[in-house]
Every structure is written in structure tokens, then in C-alpha cells.
Amino acid sequence: MISPRFAPVVFGFVLSALMSFIVSGIATVRTAGPVDGFLTLWIGAWLPSWLVAFPVVLVVAPVARKIVQGMVRA
């Protein structure tokens, strides 16, 4: 089991994986359509996207939390 102190990083890891997977899939199907080898194209688009998305999520999540805290009443 993972230590709770790593929860923000693990959350960012999972969130960035899922979001980049979904978004790259949508972009790939819109660009290439349902072609032979679609899955290979999708994974080829997803992996580099995830490499960018993971560190971005780690940086942006705290900023988003502060923005939401400013928008929501206590």
C-alpha cells in the first residue's frame, strides 16, 4: 500500500492518465476515424500526452484548488 503522504502525486498520476487517455482517444478518432490500427495510433498519441499531462497536473491542481476555494462559500 502507498503512504497517504503520496496521495496528491498518486491522484495526479491517475487523473492525468485517465484524462489524457480519453482526450487523446477523442482527438485520434476525430483525426483518423475508425481505421485499422486505430489502437496503435491512439496509444502512440496517448503516451507522449501523458508525459506532459502528469507534471502539468501536479503544478496546476493546487492552483485550481485555490481558484475553487475562492469561488465556493465556506
N, C-alpha and C. Protein backbone atom coordinates (compact mmCIF):
# COMPACT_ATOMS: atom_id res chain seq x y z
N MET A 1 0.85 -1.19 0.00
CA MET A 1 0.00 0.00 0.00
C MET A 1 0.89 1.25 0.00
N ILE A 2 0.38 2.29 -0.59
CA ILE A 2 1.12 3.55 -0.71
C ILE A 2 0.83 4.44 0.49
N SER A 3 1.85 5.13 0.96
CA SER A 3 1.71 6.03 2.10
C SER A 3 0.76 7.18 1.75
N PRO A 4 -0.08 7.60 2.69
CA PRO A 4 -1.01 8.71 2.45
C PRO A 4 -0.30 10.02 2.06
N ARG A 5 0.94 10.17 2.46
CA ARG A 5 1.64 11.42 2.12
C ARG A 5 1.86 11.56 0.61
N PHE A 6 1.80 10.43 -0.11
CA PHE A 6 1.95 10.47 -1.56
C PHE A 6 0.62 10.58 -2.30
N ALA A 7 -0.46 10.74 -1.57
CA ALA A 7 -1.79 10.79 -2.18
C ALA A 7 -1.92 11.85 -3.28
N PRO A 8 -1.42 13.08 -3.09
CA PRO A 8 -1.55 14.06 -4.17
C PRO A 8 -0.83 13.65 -5.45
N VAL A 9 0.31 13.04 -5.32
CA VAL A 9 1.06 12.61 -6.50
C VAL A 9 0.37 11.43 -7.18
N VAL A 10 -0.10 10.48 -6.38
CA VAL A 10 -0.81 9.32 -6.94
C VAL A 10 -2.10 9.78 -7.61
N PHE A 11 -2.80 10.72 -6.99
CA PHE A 11 -4.01 11.27 -7.58
C PHE A 11 -3.69 11.91 -8.93
N GLY A 12 -2.63 12.73 -8.97
CA GLY A 12 -2.23 13.38 -10.23
C GLY A 12 -1.84 12.37 -11.29
N PHE A 13 -1.19 11.29 -10.87
CA PHE A 13 -0.78 10.23 -11.78
C PHE A 13 -2.00 9.58 -12.42
N VAL A 14 -2.97 9.20 -11.60
CA VAL A 14 -4.17 8.53 -12.09
C VAL A 14 -5.03 9.49 -12.91
N LEU A 15 -5.24 10.70 -12.41
CA LEU A 15 -6.05 11.68 -13.12
C LEU A 15 -5.45 12.00 -14.49
N SER A 16 -4.15 12.26 -14.52
CA SER A 16 -3.52 12.60 -15.80
C SER A 16 -3.57 11.43 -16.77
N ALA A 17 -3.43 10.22 -16.26
CA ALA A 17 -3.51 9.03 -17.14
C ALA A 17 -4.90 8.92 -17.76
N LEU A 18 -5.93 9.00 -16.93
CA LEU A 18 -7.29 8.85 -17.42
C LEU A 18 -7.70 9.98 -18.36
N MET A 19 -7.42 11.21 -17.97
CA MET A 19 -7.82 12.35 -18.79
C MET A 19 -7.08 12.36 -20.13
N SER A 20 -5.78 12.14 -20.11
CA SER A 20 -5.03 12.15 -21.37
C SER A 20 -5.44 10.98 -22.25
N PHE A 21 -5.78 9.84 -21.64
CA PHE A 21 -6.23 8.68 -22.41
C PHE A 21 -7.53 8.99 -23.14
N ILE A 22 -8.48 9.58 -22.43
CA ILE A 22 -9.78 9.91 -23.02
C ILE A 22 -9.64 10.99 -24.09
N VAL A 23 -8.93 12.05 -23.77
CA VAL A 23 -8.81 13.17 -24.71
C VAL A 23 -8.03 12.76 -25.96
N SER A 24 -6.94 12.01 -25.79
CA SER A 24 -6.18 11.58 -26.96
C SER A 24 -7.00 10.60 -27.81
N GLY A 25 -7.84 9.79 -27.17
CA GLY A 25 -8.72 8.90 -27.93
C GLY A 25 -9.72 9.67 -28.77
N ILE A 26 -10.31 10.69 -28.18
CA ILE A 26 -11.26 11.53 -28.92
C ILE A 26 -10.56 12.23 -30.08
N ALA A 27 -9.39 12.80 -29.81
CA ALA A 27 -8.65 13.51 -30.86
C ALA A 27 -8.22 12.55 -31.97
N THR A 28 -7.80 11.35 -31.60
CA THR A 28 -7.36 10.37 -32.60
C THR A 28 -8.52 9.91 -33.46
N VAL A 29 -9.66 9.62 -32.86
CA VAL A 29 -10.81 9.16 -33.66
C VAL A 29 -11.33 10.29 -34.56
N ARG A 30 -11.24 11.51 -34.10
CA ARG A 30 -11.66 12.64 -34.93
C ARG A 30 -10.72 12.86 -36.10
N THR A 31 -9.43 12.61 -35.87
CA THR A 31 -8.43 12.83 -36.92
C THR A 31 -8.37 11.66 -37.90
N ALA A 32 -8.27 10.45 -37.38
CA ALA A 32 -8.05 9.27 -38.22
C ALA A 32 -9.31 8.50 -38.53
N GLY A 33 -10.31 8.62 -37.67
CA GLY A 33 -11.52 7.82 -37.84
C GLY A 33 -11.28 6.39 -37.37
N PRO A 34 -12.29 5.56 -37.51
CA PRO A 34 -12.17 4.16 -37.06
C PRO A 34 -11.43 3.31 -38.10
N VAL A 35 -10.12 3.48 -38.17
CA VAL A 35 -9.30 2.80 -39.16
C VAL A 35 -8.61 1.58 -38.55
N ASP A 36 -8.11 0.70 -39.42
CA ASP A 36 -7.27 -0.40 -38.96
C ASP A 36 -6.05 0.20 -38.27
N GLY A 37 -5.67 -0.36 -37.15
CA GLY A 37 -4.53 0.15 -36.41
C GLY A 37 -4.87 1.33 -35.52
N PHE A 38 -6.16 1.56 -35.33
CA PHE A 38 -6.59 2.71 -34.50
C PHE A 38 -5.98 2.66 -33.11
N LEU A 39 -6.00 1.48 -32.50
CA LEU A 39 -5.48 1.36 -31.13
C LEU A 39 -4.00 1.76 -31.07
N THR A 40 -3.23 1.36 -32.06
CA THR A 40 -1.81 1.73 -32.11
C THR A 40 -1.65 3.24 -32.24
N LEU A 41 -2.46 3.84 -33.09
CA LEU A 41 -2.43 5.31 -33.23
C LEU A 41 -2.79 5.99 -31.92
N TRP A 42 -3.82 5.47 -31.26
CA TRP A 42 -4.29 6.06 -30.01
C TRP A 42 -3.20 5.99 -28.94
N ILE A 43 -2.63 4.81 -28.76
CA ILE A 43 -1.58 4.66 -27.74
C ILE A 43 -0.38 5.54 -28.08
N GLY A 44 -0.07 5.63 -29.37
CA GLY A 44 1.04 6.49 -29.81
C GLY A 44 0.79 7.96 -29.51
N ALA A 45 -0.46 8.36 -29.51
CA ALA A 45 -0.81 9.75 -29.16
C ALA A 45 -0.90 9.92 -27.64
N TRP A 46 -1.37 8.87 -26.96
CA TRP A 46 -1.61 8.98 -25.53
C TRP A 46 -0.32 9.04 -24.70
N LEU A 47 0.64 8.19 -24.99
CA LEU A 47 1.85 8.15 -24.15
C LEU A 47 2.58 9.48 -24.07
N PRO A 48 2.88 10.14 -25.19
CA PRO A 48 3.54 11.45 -25.06
C PRO A 48 2.64 12.49 -24.39
N SER A 49 1.32 12.36 -24.60
CA SER A 49 0.39 13.29 -23.95
C SER A 49 0.45 13.12 -22.44
N TRP A 50 0.51 11.88 -21.99
CA TRP A 50 0.57 11.60 -20.56
C TRP A 50 1.87 12.13 -19.95
N LEU A 51 2.96 12.01 -20.69
CA LEU A 51 4.24 12.52 -20.19
C LEU A 51 4.19 14.03 -19.94
N VAL A 52 3.38 14.72 -20.70
CA VAL A 52 3.18 16.16 -20.49
C VAL A 52 2.12 16.39 -19.42
N ALA A 53 1.03 15.63 -19.47
CA ALA A 53 -0.10 15.87 -18.58
C ALA A 53 0.24 15.64 -17.11
N PHE A 54 1.04 14.63 -16.80
CA PHE A 54 1.32 14.31 -15.40
C PHE A 54 2.00 15.47 -14.67
N PRO A 55 3.12 16.01 -15.15
CA PRO A 55 3.70 17.14 -14.41
C PRO A 55 2.82 18.38 -14.44
N VAL A 56 2.07 18.57 -15.52
CA VAL A 56 1.18 19.73 -15.59
C VAL A 56 0.10 19.63 -14.51
N VAL A 57 -0.48 18.45 -14.33
CA VAL A 57 -1.50 18.25 -13.29
C VAL A 57 -0.92 18.54 -11.91
N LEU A 58 0.30 18.11 -11.66
CA LEU A 58 0.91 18.35 -10.36
C LEU A 58 1.09 19.85 -10.07
N VAL A 59 1.35 20.62 -11.12
CA VAL A 59 1.54 22.07 -10.95
C VAL A 59 0.20 22.79 -10.92
N VAL A 60 -0.73 22.39 -11.77
CA VAL A 60 -1.98 23.12 -11.94
C VAL A 60 -3.01 22.78 -10.86
N ALA A 61 -3.01 21.57 -10.33
CA ALA A 61 -4.02 21.17 -9.34
C ALA A 61 -4.07 22.10 -8.13
N PRO A 62 -2.94 22.47 -7.53
CA PRO A 62 -3.03 23.40 -6.39
C PRO A 62 -3.61 24.76 -6.78
N VAL A 63 -3.29 25.22 -7.96
CA VAL A 63 -3.85 26.50 -8.44
C VAL A 63 -5.36 26.36 -8.61
N ALA A 64 -5.80 25.27 -9.21
CA ALA A 64 -7.24 25.04 -9.40
C ALA A 64 -7.96 24.96 -8.05
N ARG A 65 -7.32 24.29 -7.07
CA ARG A 65 -7.93 24.21 -5.73
C ARG A 65 -8.14 25.59 -5.13
N LYS A 66 -7.15 26.47 -5.27
CA LYS A 66 -7.27 27.83 -4.73
C LYS A 66 -8.35 28.62 -5.45
N ILE A 67 -8.45 28.46 -6.74
CA ILE A 67 -9.49 29.15 -7.50
C ILE A 67 -10.87 28.68 -7.04
N VAL A 68 -11.03 27.37 -6.88
CA VAL A 68 -12.31 26.82 -6.44
C VAL A 68 -12.64 27.28 -5.02
N GLN A 69 -11.66 27.32 -4.15
CA GLN A 69 -11.89 27.79 -2.78
C GLN A 69 -12.38 29.23 -2.78
N GLY A 70 -11.88 30.03 -3.73
CA GLY A 70 -12.32 31.42 -3.83
C GLY A 70 -13.73 31.55 -4.40
N MET A 71 -14.18 30.53 -5.09
CA MET A 71 -15.49 30.58 -5.71
C MET A 71 -16.59 29.96 -4.86
N VAL A 72 -16.22 29.15 -3.88
CA VAL A 72 -17.18 28.41 -3.09
C VAL A 72 -17.27 29.01 -1.69
N ARG A 73 -18.49 29.14 -1.21
CA ARG A 73 -18.68 29.64 0.16
C ARG A 73 -18.30 28.59 1.17
N ALA A 74 -17.71 29.03 2.26
CA ALA A 74 -17.34 28.09 3.33
C ALA A 74 -18.56 27.68 4.13
